[in-house]
Amino acid sequence: MTRTIELPLPEDLLRRVDEKAQAAGLPRDAYIRTVLSKDVTGGPSISEILAPFRDQVAGSGIADEELDRLFSLAREESYRERSQRSIDER
């Protein structure tokens, strides 16, 4: 079960969260869940989780623009698949 919480954050903190999320390549909510989970469970940090991926990307020589394009395509494909599953389940 997933629950939603709402809490007030100062603008400066939200901006820094967004910067960290963007640097990690994650949406804000995923970044916050990961950070919170790490703090509660003592799991690895976002940087530790993403280190192998970052190393692989750096070694591949792929441009940031191409990586952004690939992520956008993957995100769109995932969205289409989830939408189709949702329609099929109805």
C-alpha atoms as a PDB file:
ATOM      1  CA  MET A   1       0.000   0.000   0.000  1.00  0.00           C
ATOM      2  CA  THR A   2       1.221   3.461  -0.870  1.00  0.00           C
ATOM      3  CA  ARG A   3       0.206   6.582   1.008  1.00  0.00           C
ATOM      4  CA  THR A   4       0.565  10.199   0.031  1.00  0.00           C
ATOM      5  CA  ILE A   5       1.791  12.814   2.470  1.00  0.00           C
ATOM      6  CA  GLU A   6       1.792  16.561   2.134  1.00  0.00           C
ATOM      7  CA  LEU A   7       4.191  18.823   3.974  1.00  0.00           C
ATOM      8  CA  PRO A   8       5.239  22.431   3.661  1.00  0.00           C
ATOM      9  CA  LEU A   9       8.797  23.047   2.439  1.00  0.00           C
ATOM     10  CA  PRO A  10      10.629  26.345   2.175  1.00  0.00           C
ATOM     11  CA  GLU A  11      11.219  27.418  -1.439  1.00  0.00           C
ATOM     12  CA  ASP A  12      14.991  27.200  -1.012  1.00  0.00           C
ATOM     13  CA  LEU A  13      14.813  23.601   0.213  1.00  0.00           C
ATOM     14  CA  LEU A  14      12.478  22.608  -2.620  1.00  0.00           C
ATOM     15  CA  ARG A  15      14.838  24.198  -5.144  1.00  0.00           C
ATOM     16  CA  ARG A  16      17.773  22.243  -3.708  1.00  0.00           C
ATOM     17  CA  VAL A  17      15.739  19.019  -3.735  1.00  0.00           C
ATOM     18  CA  ASP A  18      14.901  19.637  -7.397  1.00  0.00           C
ATOM     19  CA  GLU A  19      18.563  20.278  -8.221  1.00  0.00           C
ATOM     20  CA  LYS A  20      19.607  17.043  -6.489  1.00  0.00           C
ATOM     21  CA  ALA A  21      16.820  15.092  -8.188  1.00  0.00           C
ATOM     22  CA  GLN A  22      17.819  16.439 -11.585  1.00  0.00           C
ATOM     23  CA  ALA A  23      21.481  15.610 -10.940  1.00  0.00           C
ATOM     24  CA  ALA A  24      20.422  12.081  -9.990  1.00  0.00           C
ATOM     25  CA  GLY A  25      18.273  11.847 -13.108  1.00  0.00           C
ATOM     26  CA  LEU A  26      15.132  11.248 -11.084  1.00  0.00           C
ATOM     27  CA  PRO A  27      11.762  12.925 -10.787  1.00  0.00           C
ATOM     28  CA  ARG A  28      11.302  14.855  -7.548  1.00  0.00           C
ATOM     29  CA  ASP A  29       9.002  12.268  -5.943  1.00  0.00           C
ATOM     30  CA  ALA A  30      11.309   9.349  -6.752  1.00  0.00           C
ATOM     31  CA  TYR A  31      14.295  11.238  -5.386  1.00  0.00           C
ATOM     32  CA  ILE A  32      12.493  12.105  -2.145  1.00  0.00           C
ATOM     33  CA  ARG A  33      11.322   8.474  -1.715  1.00  0.00           C
ATOM     34  CA  THR A  34      14.863   7.212  -2.279  1.00  0.00           C
ATOM     35  CA  VAL A  35      16.440   9.663   0.161  1.00  0.00           C
ATOM     36  CA  LEU A  36      13.801   8.989   2.796  1.00  0.00           C
ATOM     37  CA  SER A  37      14.083   5.230   2.360  1.00  0.00           C
ATOM     38  CA  LYS A  38      17.869   5.397   2.627  1.00  0.00           C
ATOM     39  CA  ASP A  39      17.666   7.410   5.812  1.00  0.00           C
ATOM     40  CA  VAL A  40      15.120   5.072   7.387  1.00  0.00           C
ATOM     41  CA  THR A  41      16.646   1.776   6.234  1.00  0.00           C
ATOM     42  CA  GLY A  42      20.311   2.738   6.059  1.00  0.00           C
ATOM     43  CA  GLY A  43      20.425   1.784   2.361  1.00  0.00           C
ATOM     44  CA  PRO A  44      22.865   3.136  -0.221  1.00  0.00           C
ATOM     45  CA  SER A  45      22.700   6.756  -1.315  1.00  0.00           C
ATOM     46  CA  ILE A  46      21.453   7.888  -4.728  1.00  0.00           C
ATOM     47  CA  SER A  47      25.048   8.586  -5.723  1.00  0.00           C
ATOM     48  CA  GLU A  48      26.095   5.082  -4.713  1.00  0.00           C
ATOM     49  CA  ILE A  49      23.208   3.513  -6.613  1.00  0.00           C
ATOM     50  CA  LEU A  50      23.845   5.563  -9.752  1.00  0.00           C
ATOM     51  CA  ALA A  51      27.662   5.353  -9.724  1.00  0.00           C
ATOM     52  CA  PRO A  52      27.912   2.293 -12.026  1.00  0.00           C
ATOM     53  CA  PHE A  53      25.466   3.848 -14.474  1.00  0.00           C
ATOM     54  CA  ARG A  54      27.302   7.174 -14.459  1.00  0.00           C
ATOM     55  CA  ASP A  55      30.600   5.383 -15.052  1.00  0.00           C
ATOM     56  CA  GLN A  56      29.103   3.461 -17.955  1.00  0.00           C
ATOM     57  CA  VAL A  57      27.657   6.615 -19.527  1.00  0.00           C
ATOM     58  CA  ALA A  58      30.934   8.481 -19.077  1.00  0.00           C
ATOM     59  CA  GLY A  59      32.827   5.622 -20.719  1.00  0.00           C
ATOM     60  CA  SER A  60      30.394   5.393 -23.629  1.00  0.00           C
ATOM     61  CA  GLY A  61      31.051   8.914 -24.870  1.00  0.00           C
ATOM     62  CA  ILE A  62      27.330   9.517 -25.363  1.00  0.00           C
ATOM     63  CA  ALA A  63      26.334  13.179 -25.411  1.00  0.00           C
ATOM     64  CA  ASP A  64      23.996  14.550 -22.747  1.00  0.00           C
ATOM     65  CA  GLU A  65      21.458  15.451 -25.430  1.00  0.00           C
ATOM     66  CA  GLU A  66      21.398  11.883 -26.755  1.00  0.00           C
ATOM     67  CA  LEU A  67      21.044  10.481 -23.242  1.00  0.00           C
ATOM     68  CA  ASP A  68      18.151  12.880 -22.596  1.00  0.00           C
ATOM     69  CA  ARG A  69      16.521  11.745 -25.846  1.00  0.00           C
ATOM     70  CA  LEU A  70      16.902   8.057 -24.923  1.00  0.00           C
ATOM     71  CA  PHE A  71      15.406   8.640 -21.464  1.00  0.00           C
ATOM     72  CA  SER A  72      12.514  10.591 -22.961  1.00  0.00           C
ATOM     73  CA  LEU A  73      11.781   7.784 -25.404  1.00  0.00           C
ATOM     74  CA  ALA A  74      11.942   5.174 -22.629  1.00  0.00           C
ATOM     75  CA  ARG A  75       9.677   7.267 -20.394  1.00  0.00           C
ATOM     76  CA  GLU A  76       7.138   7.711 -23.220  1.00  0.00           C
ATOM     77  CA  GLU A  77       7.189   3.982 -23.981  1.00  0.00           C
ATOM     78  CA  SER A  78       6.706   3.135 -20.309  1.00  0.00           C
ATOM     79  CA  TYR A  79       3.806   5.573 -20.088  1.00  0.00           C
ATOM     80  CA  ARG A  80       2.146   4.029 -23.158  1.00  0.00           C
ATOM     81  CA  GLU A  81       2.556   0.515 -21.724  1.00  0.00           C
ATOM     82  CA  ARG A  82       1.116   1.519 -18.329  1.00  0.00           C
ATOM     83  CA  SER A  83      -1.773   3.309 -20.014  1.00  0.00           C
ATOM     84  CA  GLN A  84      -2.519   0.281 -22.169  1.00  0.00           C
ATOM     85  CA  ARG A  85      -2.418  -2.054 -19.138  1.00  0.00           C
ATOM     86  CA  SER A  86      -4.789   0.271 -17.323  1.00  0.00           C
ATOM     87  CA  ILE A  87      -7.205   0.189 -20.266  1.00  0.00           C
ATOM     88  CA  ASP A  88      -6.909  -3.597 -20.550  1.00  0.00           C
ATOM     89  CA  GLU A  89      -7.689  -4.046 -16.844  1.00  0.00           C
ATOM     90  CA  ARG A  90     -10.968  -2.167 -17.158  1.00  0.00           C
END
